[in-house]
Amino acid sequence: MDVEALPRRFFKTTLQRTVQALKRHRDIFFTDDLGNRPSSIIITTLAAQSYEPRGGLFDVLHHVVEQMPTHVDYKLGRYVIANPVESGENFADRWIGHPARPRRFFEWLEAALRDFTAIAEAHHTDDMLARTAHALGSRPAAAAHDALNADPGVTRRLVVAAPVPAGNERFA
């Protein structure tokens, strides 16, 4: 019996997985604050602009979250997240008149950086799974558990993200 390879469209790219993780983290973070939750288009646009191929997923997540604020402009008293396809469209227009939205966006980025760094720095599988459940919910943690246990002969490689110095004002 011949086994046919799955078409490429069935495999998610690292950027797609990064955006998926960011959106899931956003949903957990903003569970009780839906009105200030950043839109998917903002997350996707900033993640795509910040993306650079790197080691593992957590290296990419760390880099993307760290770089996302550099693609948010502040001009004439307004935040600007330019639509890269439609000139003149500002994805941050919903933030006008709602100062909590940009503030909560940057707070979320700080939390995402902390959480993804904590997952990457876990030294034991149980610790990594607990941190994943905290950041992304129990279903993604259970899926990670199942994937790790699917082949006991496969060892898990943790990719450690670069630490962020205390007092970092990058997100201010």
Protein backbone atom coordinates (compact mmCIF):
# COMPACT_ATOMS: atom_id res chain seq x y z
CA MET A 1 0.00 0.00 0.00
CA ASP A 2 1.40 3.37 -1.01
CA VAL A 3 1.06 6.27 1.38
CA GLU A 4 0.36 9.58 -0.27
CA ALA A 5 1.79 12.72 1.31
CA LEU A 6 -0.69 15.32 2.50
CA PRO A 7 -0.90 18.43 0.33
CA ARG A 8 1.06 21.37 1.69
CA ARG A 9 -2.13 23.29 2.53
CA PHE A 10 -2.78 20.85 5.41
CA PHE A 11 0.34 21.98 7.26
CA LYS A 12 0.33 25.27 9.13
CA THR A 13 3.30 27.54 8.69
CA THR A 14 5.15 28.90 11.69
CA LEU A 15 3.56 32.31 11.05
CA GLN A 16 0.08 30.75 10.99
CA ARG A 17 0.79 28.92 14.27
CA THR A 18 2.15 32.14 15.76
CA VAL A 19 -0.99 34.09 14.85
CA GLN A 20 -3.15 31.24 16.13
CA ALA A 21 -1.30 31.23 19.49
CA LEU A 22 -1.53 35.02 19.76
CA LYS A 23 -5.27 35.02 19.09
CA ARG A 24 -5.84 32.24 21.61
CA HIS A 25 -3.77 34.08 24.23
CA ARG A 26 -5.74 37.26 23.44
CA ASP A 27 -9.04 35.42 23.95
CA ILE A 28 -7.91 34.11 27.35
CA PHE A 29 -6.47 37.49 28.44
CA PHE A 30 -9.59 39.44 27.42
CA THR A 31 -12.20 36.94 28.67
CA ASP A 32 -13.77 39.57 30.95
CA ASP A 33 -12.93 42.61 28.81
CA LEU A 34 -14.25 41.87 25.32
CA GLY A 35 -14.81 45.54 24.50
CA ASN A 36 -11.08 46.25 24.66
CA ARG A 37 -9.93 43.08 22.90
CA PRO A 38 -7.70 43.83 19.88
CA SER A 39 -9.14 42.71 16.57
CA SER A 40 -7.79 39.73 14.69
CA ILE A 41 -6.73 41.97 11.80
CA ILE A 42 -4.51 44.01 14.14
CA ILE A 43 -2.87 40.87 15.53
CA THR A 44 -2.43 39.28 12.11
CA THR A 45 -1.04 42.44 10.51
CA LEU A 46 1.43 43.21 13.30
CA ALA A 47 2.52 39.57 13.56
CA ALA A 48 3.14 39.38 9.81
CA GLN A 49 5.14 42.62 9.88
CA SER A 50 7.17 41.37 12.87
CA TYR A 51 7.77 37.83 11.63
CA GLU A 52 11.27 36.56 10.92
CA PRO A 53 12.10 32.87 10.50
CA ARG A 54 13.87 31.66 13.65
CA GLY A 55 14.42 28.45 15.59
CA GLY A 56 11.30 26.99 17.14
CA LEU A 57 7.80 28.33 17.59
CA PHE A 58 8.59 29.95 20.94
CA ASP A 59 11.59 31.77 19.46
CA VAL A 60 9.28 33.14 16.79
CA LEU A 61 6.52 34.00 19.28
CA HIS A 62 8.97 35.81 21.53
CA HIS A 63 10.43 37.81 18.64
CA VAL A 64 7.03 38.65 17.12
CA VAL A 65 5.52 39.82 20.42
CA GLU A 66 8.64 41.84 21.19
CA GLN A 67 8.54 43.52 17.75
CA MET A 68 4.79 44.13 17.36
CA PRO A 69 4.85 47.51 19.18
CA THR A 70 7.46 48.81 16.73
CA HIS A 71 4.83 48.63 13.98
CA VAL A 72 2.30 50.73 15.90
CA ASP A 73 2.76 54.41 15.09
CA TYR A 74 1.53 57.37 17.10
CA LYS A 75 0.85 60.42 14.92
CA LEU A 76 -0.99 63.60 15.77
CA GLY A 77 -2.39 62.12 18.98
CA ARG A 78 -3.67 58.94 17.31
CA TYR A 79 -2.42 55.38 17.12
CA VAL A 80 -1.89 54.14 13.59
CA ILE A 81 -1.71 50.54 12.45
CA ALA A 82 -1.62 50.94 8.70
CA ASN A 83 -3.34 48.47 6.42
CA PRO A 84 -0.46 47.24 4.24
CA VAL A 85 -2.84 46.62 1.33
CA GLU A 86 -5.25 49.57 1.45
CA SER A 87 -3.39 52.87 1.71
CA GLY A 88 -4.93 55.27 4.18
CA GLU A 89 -6.83 52.64 6.17
CA ASN A 90 -5.98 52.60 9.87
CA PHE A 91 -6.78 49.40 11.75
CA ALA A 92 -6.46 51.31 15.05
CA ASP A 93 -9.38 53.65 14.23
CA ARG A 94 -11.48 51.77 16.81
CA TRP A 95 -9.07 53.00 19.47
CA ILE A 96 -9.99 56.66 18.89
CA GLY A 97 -11.96 57.93 21.87
CA HIS A 98 -11.29 54.71 23.82
CA PRO A 99 -7.98 55.18 25.68
CA ALA A 100 -8.36 51.82 27.42
CA ARG A 101 -8.06 49.93 24.11
CA PRO A 102 -4.45 50.83 23.28
CA ARG A 103 -3.48 50.63 26.97
CA ARG A 104 -4.96 47.12 27.25
CA PHE A 105 -3.36 46.12 23.94
CA PHE A 106 0.11 46.94 25.25
CA GLU A 107 -0.68 45.28 28.60
CA TRP A 108 -1.69 42.16 26.67
CA LEU A 109 1.59 42.18 24.74
CA GLU A 110 3.52 42.35 28.02
CA ALA A 111 1.52 39.41 29.39
CA ALA A 112 1.98 37.42 26.18
CA LEU A 113 5.73 37.97 26.27
CA ARG A 114 5.88 36.85 29.91
CA ASP A 115 3.69 33.80 29.31
CA PHE A 116 5.39 32.57 26.13
CA THR A 117 8.82 33.09 27.70
CA ALA A 118 7.70 31.11 30.75
CA ILE A 119 6.53 28.22 28.56
CA ALA A 120 9.79 28.20 26.62
CA GLU A 121 11.85 28.27 29.81
CA ALA A 122 10.02 25.34 31.43
CA HIS A 123 12.47 22.61 32.44
CA HIS A 124 9.97 19.78 32.85
CA THR A 125 7.07 18.61 30.73
CA ASP A 126 4.55 18.99 33.56
CA ASP A 127 5.69 22.57 34.15
CA MET A 128 5.50 23.35 30.43
CA LEU A 129 1.97 21.90 30.22
CA ALA A 130 0.81 23.88 33.28
CA ARG A 131 2.22 27.09 31.81
CA THR A 132 0.60 26.31 28.45
CA ALA A 133 -2.77 25.76 30.16
CA HIS A 134 -2.41 29.12 31.95
CA ALA A 135 -1.54 31.00 28.76
CA LEU A 136 -3.62 29.21 26.13
CA GLY A 137 -6.23 27.17 27.99
CA SER A 138 -6.66 23.53 28.89
CA ARG A 139 -7.49 22.23 25.39
CA PRO A 140 -4.20 23.38 23.81
CA ALA A 141 -2.34 22.04 26.85
CA ALA A 142 -4.10 18.68 26.49
CA ALA A 143 -3.24 18.61 22.78
CA ALA A 144 0.40 19.33 23.63
CA HIS A 145 0.31 16.55 26.23
CA ASP A 146 -1.11 14.10 23.68
CA ALA A 147 1.47 15.11 21.07
CA LEU A 148 4.32 14.64 23.53
CA ASN A 149 3.03 11.22 24.55
CA ALA A 150 2.23 10.02 21.02
CA ASP A 151 5.76 8.72 20.54
CA PRO A 152 7.60 8.06 23.81
CA GLY A 153 10.87 7.64 21.92
CA VAL A 154 10.85 11.25 20.81
CA THR A 155 12.54 13.64 23.18
CA ARG A 156 11.19 17.12 23.62
CA ARG A 157 13.46 20.02 22.78
CA LEU A 158 12.73 23.23 24.64
CA VAL A 159 13.73 26.41 22.92
CA VAL A 160 14.64 29.09 25.43
CA ALA A 161 13.79 32.63 24.44
CA ALA A 162 16.09 35.48 25.30
CA PRO A 163 15.20 36.99 28.67
CA VAL A 164 13.76 40.48 28.85
CA PRO A 165 15.57 42.70 31.36
CA ALA A 166 13.55 43.94 34.33
CA GLY A 167 12.21 47.44 33.87
CA ASN A 168 11.99 47.09 30.09
CA GLU A 169 10.03 50.07 28.84
CA ARG A 170 9.61 48.66 25.33
CA PHE A 171 5.83 48.47 25.71
CA ALA A 172 5.32 51.83 27.40
